Structures are given as structure tokens and as C-alpha cells.
């Protein structure tokens, strides 16, 4: 082998070794994905599995998310599935859309776990709930925001000490969160966006994410659960084997009497190489469905 060719091979190997990748530094080999998205998967076999180069837990993977949320939603579609069950009458989208608001009858919204609002805010909340089928931002294709997005459907964690993770909720919504404990970016906070400014740090094996600077146009959840500009959301992501637990707490001194904690969510790592995320409906289709189903 001549010197020129040897030099080229060594240079090429060095570039490949230093390239940025989305995988666990010590994960065992996973089956080669054959589906449309190759999410990294670290399957727990021993206690030392699923660690990044810096020793922190690797949260990467496609996490089973069940049915998609309306207007965006997460979810994975198991390989071999021929249809999506939307959980409404008939099991299709037409039945799901008008039944979406009925979930609050189970206690998820105006039940024991509902946000407790200040007395001067209840009129606005009740009005938003009454007009929920018309005014819900998610039904007009706006982002769900934090914490309404809930637990991520997929996570991509950078290796080689790159200090961030990407939380994916659907093929339309995702967040990039630094994990090195840096302070909030005051410029991003001032923008008051749908997902706000998120920063993370590790507490043991739990990634703690604090988000502020969110627009008050978003809702905490359906239906009519409003909030103000001074809202702070703290999320906790903990991997336990092949399970991921998501917890959140919402503080809003202008609107809430006390912090509100949505129901925690535990999801299972998907090991199906053909699993994928749902593609949300186009905005035109969503608008058309709501136009034809607006009945008071």
C-alpha cells in the first residue's frame, strides 16, 4: 500500500471516529432498523448499560406513547399495524374529535387533580372551557407547548459530552434542551414562545428540566386551563431499566393557588425496529373537521 493511500485511510478513520453521533457510548448492538426512522435503542441487560460518555443515563430511544394527542400528539405505530385507534366513538378520527372534551368527566380536568385557580381567574377559565371546541389553540394547529405536550414520544441524547437532548413529541413538535445546568437565556425568555426557554441539569439519574418564558396563549391542558406569563414548569425524566417516567410541576403565582402536578406518565422503550411516529394531520384537514363539527 503506498503512503498516499495509507494517509487517506488514516485521515478518513479519524474523521469517522470524531463524527457526532446519536447513540449511547456503551450500548450493546441493537437490531438494524428497517423502518423510516432509526432511533437509537439501548436495551438494559446489566446495570452498566445505557450510559453516555459522561456517565449520565442515556435516555435515547423511541418510547411507546399510545394514541396520538389531538392536533399534534406523539405516539408510535407498532410494525404490522394497519390502522390507528383514536379512542373515540367508532375508533376513528371522526369519533375522536367530538369526544375529546369528554375526558374531563373522568376527573382529569375538573376533577381532584385539576389546577386550582385563584378566585379572580375562574371566570376566564370557565369561559375558555365553554368555548373550548372553538378556541383551543391545539385545534387551530398551534403547538401544544409545555407541559401540555406531556412525556416525549422519542428522545435523542447527544454523546461525547455534548450537553443537550432533543425531546420529540411528534413529527411536528420537538424541543432541544441543554443538560449542563446553564442559566436561562434571557433573550429566549423575553420572546415568550410556545415552548419557552428550557434548561436542564442532572439530579442523580434524573434529568430535571425547568422551563419559563412561555406565551400565555397556550393552555396547560384541554379544556380552558389557562396560565400567565410568569409560569414555570419543572419536568423530571427518570429512566429505570427500559421504562421512562415523566413527572411535572407547574407554578404560576398569578393564576394558581398552589403548584399543579399533572398525572405522571411511565412509558416503555420500543424495541421494534419498524416502529415509527405518527405524522400529524395537516392543518387544513384539522380546520375542516372542526368547521363541520361545531355544535353547541
Protein backbone atom coordinates (compact mmCIF):
# COMPACT_ATOMS: atom_id res chain seq x y z
CA UNK A 1 0.00 0.00 0.00
CA UNK A 2 1.52 3.35 -0.98
CA UNK A 3 1.96 6.15 1.54
CA UNK A 4 -0.63 8.40 -0.10
CA UNK A 5 -3.38 5.78 0.14
CA UNK A 6 -2.43 4.89 3.73
CA UNK A 7 -2.56 8.57 4.72
CA UNK A 8 -6.03 8.92 3.18
CA UNK A 9 -7.35 5.86 5.03
CA UNK A 10 -5.99 7.05 8.38
CA UNK A 11 -7.48 10.52 7.86
CA UNK A 12 -10.83 9.04 6.92
CA UNK A 13 -10.89 6.82 10.02
CA UNK A 14 -10.04 9.77 12.24
CA UNK A 15 -12.88 11.84 10.81
CA UNK A 16 -15.37 8.98 11.26
CA UNK A 17 -14.25 8.37 14.84
CA UNK A 18 -14.71 12.01 15.75
CA UNK A 19 -18.02 12.49 13.97
CA UNK A 20 -21.07 13.46 16.01
CA UNK A 21 -23.45 10.54 16.59
CA UNK A 22 -26.81 10.00 18.28
CA UNK A 23 -26.09 6.82 20.23
CA UNK A 24 -25.13 5.54 23.62
CA UNK A 25 -21.41 5.27 24.23
CA UNK A 26 -21.62 1.83 25.83
CA UNK A 27 -24.81 0.34 24.45
CA UNK A 28 -24.94 -3.24 23.17
CA UNK A 29 -25.65 -3.59 19.45
CA UNK A 30 -29.32 -3.30 18.55
CA UNK A 31 -31.10 -4.89 15.58
CA UNK A 32 -30.61 -2.92 12.39
CA UNK A 33 -33.65 -0.68 11.91
CA UNK A 34 -35.58 -1.25 8.70
CA UNK A 35 -38.30 1.34 9.30
CA UNK A 36 -38.30 5.00 8.26
CA UNK A 37 -36.65 6.32 11.46
CA UNK A 38 -33.54 4.86 13.07
CA UNK A 39 -33.92 5.82 16.72
CA UNK A 40 -31.03 4.67 18.92
CA UNK A 41 -32.03 1.95 21.32
CA UNK A 42 -30.15 0.81 24.42
CA UNK A 43 -31.74 -2.28 25.90
CA UNK A 44 -30.95 -2.87 29.55
CA UNK A 45 -29.17 -6.14 30.24
CA UNK A 46 -26.84 -5.21 33.10
CA UNK A 47 -26.63 -2.25 35.44
CA UNK A 48 -23.88 -0.55 33.43
CA UNK A 49 -25.90 -0.44 30.21
CA UNK A 50 -27.33 2.73 28.75
CA UNK A 51 -24.78 5.29 29.89
CA UNK A 52 -23.39 8.23 27.95
CA UNK A 53 -19.71 9.09 27.75
CA UNK A 54 -20.05 11.36 30.79
CA UNK A 55 -21.64 8.59 32.85
CA UNK A 56 -25.16 10.05 32.74
CA UNK A 57 -28.13 7.84 31.83
CA UNK A 58 -28.85 7.54 28.12
CA UNK A 59 -32.50 8.50 27.60
CA UNK A 60 -32.33 7.86 23.85
CA UNK A 61 -34.98 5.77 22.18
CA UNK A 62 -38.50 5.58 20.86
CA UNK A 63 -40.80 5.39 23.88
CA UNK A 64 -44.20 3.77 23.47
CA UNK A 65 -46.69 6.60 23.51
CA UNK A 66 -50.08 5.05 22.83
CA UNK A 67 -52.65 7.03 20.88
CA UNK A 68 -51.66 10.40 19.41
CA UNK A 69 -52.88 13.60 21.05
CA UNK A 70 -55.18 15.80 19.04
CA UNK A 71 -53.63 18.40 16.76
CA UNK A 72 -50.07 17.15 17.12
CA UNK A 73 -49.64 14.37 19.57
CA UNK A 74 -46.97 11.78 19.98
CA UNK A 75 -47.22 8.08 19.62
CA UNK A 76 -45.57 5.20 17.95
CA UNK A 77 -47.07 2.85 15.45
CA UNK A 78 -46.13 -0.76 16.02
CA UNK A 79 -44.93 -2.61 12.96
CA UNK A 80 -47.65 -4.55 11.24
CA UNK A 81 -50.45 -2.24 12.46
CA UNK A 82 -52.94 -1.42 9.74
CA UNK A 83 -54.80 1.44 11.42
CA UNK A 84 -54.68 3.94 14.28
CA UNK A 85 -57.21 3.73 17.11
CA UNK A 86 -58.09 7.29 18.13
CA UNK A 87 -60.11 6.33 21.19
CA UNK A 88 -63.41 7.96 20.21
CA UNK A 89 -66.73 6.60 19.06
CA UNK A 90 -66.07 4.22 16.18
CA UNK A 91 -62.33 4.17 16.88
CA UNK A 92 -61.62 6.65 14.09
CA UNK A 93 -60.75 10.32 13.93
CA UNK A 94 -64.32 11.49 13.25
CA UNK A 95 -65.43 9.93 16.55
CA UNK A 96 -62.32 11.05 18.43
CA UNK A 97 -62.64 14.74 17.63
CA UNK A 98 -66.07 15.48 19.18
CA UNK A 99 -65.39 13.12 22.11
CA UNK A 100 -62.08 14.75 23.05
CA UNK A 101 -63.62 17.10 25.57
CA UNK A 102 -65.47 14.32 27.35
CA UNK A 103 -62.28 13.18 29.09
CA UNK A 104 -62.77 15.77 31.82
CA UNK A 105 -65.77 13.78 33.07
CA UNK A 106 -63.27 11.17 34.29
CA UNK A 107 -61.68 13.66 36.65
CA UNK A 108 -58.65 14.53 34.53
CA UNK A 109 -59.59 18.19 34.20
CA UNK A 110 -62.30 19.44 36.58
CA UNK A 111 -61.61 16.62 38.99
CA UNK A 112 -59.38 16.13 42.05
CA UNK A 113 -56.23 16.72 40.01
CA UNK A 114 -57.39 19.90 38.27
CA UNK A 115 -55.32 23.10 38.58
CA UNK A 116 -56.60 25.18 41.49
CA UNK A 117 -57.13 28.73 40.21
CA UNK A 118 -57.25 31.99 42.09
CA UNK A 119 -60.84 33.22 42.62
CA UNK A 120 -60.41 36.17 40.23
CA UNK A 121 -59.36 33.83 37.38
CA UNK A 122 -62.24 31.36 37.41
CA UNK A 123 -64.48 33.39 35.15
CA UNK A 124 -61.86 33.40 32.40
CA UNK A 125 -61.21 29.68 32.87
CA UNK A 126 -64.90 28.78 32.70
CA UNK A 127 -65.38 30.89 29.59
CA UNK A 128 -62.38 29.24 27.91
CA UNK A 129 -63.78 25.84 28.81
CA UNK A 130 -67.21 26.74 27.42
CA UNK A 131 -65.63 27.82 24.13
CA UNK A 132 -63.03 25.06 24.20
CA UNK A 133 -64.12 23.40 20.96
CA UNK A 134 -63.64 26.74 19.21
CA UNK A 135 -60.73 28.44 20.99
CA UNK A 136 -58.40 25.60 21.92
CA UNK A 137 -55.03 26.55 20.35
CA UNK A 138 -54.28 22.89 19.56
CA UNK A 139 -57.38 22.71 17.39
CA UNK A 140 -56.02 25.58 15.31
CA UNK A 141 -52.68 23.85 14.74
CA UNK A 142 -50.72 25.88 17.28
CA UNK A 143 -48.13 23.96 19.30
CA UNK A 144 -49.28 22.22 22.47
CA UNK A 145 -46.43 23.77 24.42
CA UNK A 146 -45.22 22.89 27.91
CA UNK A 147 -46.47 20.96 29.85
CA UNK A 148 -49.35 20.03 27.57
CA UNK A 149 -47.03 18.03 25.33
CA UNK A 150 -46.60 15.65 28.23
CA UNK A 151 -43.99 12.90 28.08
CA UNK A 152 -41.83 12.78 24.96
CA UNK A 153 -42.52 10.08 22.39
CA UNK A 154 -38.84 9.85 21.49
CA UNK A 155 -35.55 11.20 22.82
CA UNK A 156 -32.22 11.71 21.11
CA UNK A 157 -29.33 12.28 23.51
CA UNK A 158 -26.01 13.58 22.24
CA UNK A 159 -22.91 11.59 23.10
CA UNK A 160 -19.28 12.65 23.52
CA UNK A 161 -20.28 15.08 26.29
CA UNK A 162 -22.44 17.21 24.00
CA UNK A 163 -24.68 18.88 26.63
CA UNK A 164 -28.20 18.56 25.27
CA UNK A 165 -31.07 16.23 24.48
CA UNK A 166 -33.79 16.53 21.85
CA UNK A 167 -37.29 15.70 23.09
CA UNK A 168 -39.61 14.67 20.26
CA UNK A 169 -43.39 14.66 20.64
CA UNK A 170 -44.43 14.17 17.02
CA UNK A 171 -43.01 14.79 13.58
CA UNK A 172 -44.08 18.40 14.09
CA UNK A 173 -43.09 19.23 17.67
CA UNK A 174 -39.74 18.87 19.42
CA UNK A 175 -37.54 20.68 21.93
CA UNK A 176 -33.77 20.98 22.27
CA UNK A 177 -32.80 21.10 25.95
CA UNK A 178 -29.28 21.78 27.28
CA UNK A 179 -28.35 19.49 30.15
CA UNK A 180 -25.25 21.15 31.63
CA UNK A 181 -27.00 23.30 34.23
CA UNK A 182 -26.57 26.58 32.36
CA UNK A 183 -28.82 29.54 33.27
CA UNK A 184 -31.79 30.61 31.21
CA UNK A 185 -31.20 32.60 28.04
CA UNK A 186 -32.80 35.95 28.85
CA UNK A 187 -33.34 36.71 25.17
CA UNK A 188 -35.26 33.48 24.63
CA UNK A 189 -37.27 34.11 27.79
CA UNK A 190 -38.27 37.55 26.54
CA UNK A 191 -39.58 36.07 23.28
CA UNK A 192 -42.38 34.26 25.21
CA UNK A 193 -42.66 31.34 22.81
CA UNK A 194 -44.94 28.29 22.93
CA UNK A 195 -42.25 26.04 24.43
CA UNK A 196 -40.45 28.77 26.36
CA UNK A 197 -36.79 28.57 27.35
CA UNK A 198 -35.80 25.19 28.80
CA UNK A 199 -32.63 24.34 30.72
CA UNK A 200 -31.76 21.03 32.32
CA UNK A 201 -29.49 19.55 34.94
CA UNK A 202 -28.97 16.10 36.43
CA UNK A 203 -30.01 15.11 39.92
CA UNK A 204 -28.55 11.64 40.23
CA UNK A 205 -30.12 9.60 37.42
CA UNK A 206 -32.97 12.08 36.85
CA UNK A 207 -32.88 14.82 34.22
CA UNK A 208 -34.61 17.90 35.66
CA UNK A 209 -35.85 20.44 33.10
CA UNK A 210 -37.01 23.95 34.07
CA UNK A 211 -38.97 25.99 31.55
CA UNK A 212 -40.01 29.65 31.73
CA UNK A 213 -40.80 32.37 29.21
CA UNK A 214 -43.92 30.79 27.71
CA UNK A 215 -46.69 32.63 25.92
CA UNK A 216 -49.96 32.85 27.80
CA UNK A 217 -51.76 31.84 24.59
CA UNK A 218 -51.05 28.18 25.33
CA UNK A 219 -53.23 26.06 27.60
CA UNK A 220 -51.99 23.78 30.35
CA UNK A 221 -54.38 21.13 29.10
CA UNK A 222 -57.79 20.81 27.49
CA UNK A 223 -60.17 22.38 28.17
CA UNK A 224 -59.65 26.03 29.05
CA UNK A 225 -56.82 25.54 31.53
CA UNK A 226 -55.18 28.94 31.16
CA UNK A 227 -51.97 30.32 32.63
CA UNK A 228 -49.98 33.55 32.80
CA UNK A 229 -46.60 34.81 31.64
CA UNK A 230 -44.87 34.01 34.94
CA UNK A 231 -45.46 30.27 34.68
CA UNK A 232 -42.59 27.93 35.50
CA UNK A 233 -42.74 24.25 34.58
CA UNK A 234 -40.37 21.71 36.13
CA UNK A 235 -40.18 18.30 34.47
CA UNK A 236 -38.34 15.21 35.70
CA UNK A 237 -37.31 12.38 33.36
CA UNK A 238 -36.07 9.20 35.02
CA UNK A 239 -35.02 6.05 33.22
CA UNK A 240 -35.46 2.82 35.17
CA UNK A 241 -34.35 -0.07 33.02
CA UNK A 242 -36.45 0.01 29.87
CA UNK A 243 -39.05 2.30 31.44
CA UNK A 244 -39.14 6.10 31.34
CA UNK A 245 -41.05 8.10 33.96
CA UNK A 246 -42.15 11.69 33.29
CA UNK A 247 -43.28 13.98 36.10
CA UNK A 248 -44.08 17.69 36.03
CA UNK A 249 -44.99 20.56 38.32
CA UNK A 250 -46.50 23.89 37.24
CA UNK A 251 -46.03 27.06 39.28
CA UNK A 252 -47.94 30.21 38.37
CA UNK A 253 -48.39 32.73 41.23
CA UNK A 254 -50.60 34.96 39.07
CA UNK A 255 -53.17 32.28 38.23
CA UNK A 256 -52.80 29.28 40.54
CA UNK A 257 -53.37 29.00 44.28
CA UNK A 258 -50.77 26.23 44.51
CA UNK A 259 -48.47 24.32 42.13
CA UNK A 260 -50.26 21.89 39.86
CA UNK A 261 -48.87 18.43 39.11
CA UNK A 262 -50.22 16.64 36.01
CA UNK A 263 -50.60 12.90 36.32
CA UNK A 264 -47.17 11.26 35.91
CA UNK A 265 -46.57 9.12 32.84
CA UNK A 266 -44.49 5.95 32.51
CA UNK A 267 -43.56 4.69 29.07
CA UNK A 268 -41.86 1.59 27.74
CA UNK A 269 -38.90 1.55 25.37
CA UNK A 270 -39.90 0.35 21.92
CA UNK A 271 -37.50 -2.29 20.60
CA UNK A 272 -39.37 -2.79 17.33
CA UNK A 273 -37.04 -1.62 14.53
CA UNK A 274 -40.07 -0.83 12.36
CA UNK A 275 -41.90 1.35 14.91
CA UNK A 276 -42.33 4.97 13.96
CA UNK A 277 -44.04 8.20 14.99
CA UNK A 278 -47.39 9.41 13.76
CA UNK A 279 -47.42 12.19 11.23
CA UNK A 280 -49.93 14.83 12.44
CA UNK A 281 -52.87 15.73 10.27
CA UNK A 282 -52.33 18.76 8.03
CA UNK A 283 -53.75 21.98 9.43
CA UNK A 284 -56.28 22.28 6.60
CA UNK A 285 -57.72 18.87 7.47
CA UNK A 286 -57.96 19.77 11.16
CA UNK A 287 -59.69 23.07 10.38
CA UNK A 288 -62.15 21.32 8.06
CA UNK A 289 -63.06 18.76 10.71
CA UNK A 290 -63.70 21.45 13.29
CA UNK A 291 -65.73 23.54 10.87
CA UNK A 292 -68.07 20.61 10.24
CA UNK A 293 -68.39 19.52 13.89
CA UNK A 294 -69.02 22.78 15.72
CA UNK A 295 -72.21 22.11 17.59
CA UNK A 296 -73.09 23.78 20.90
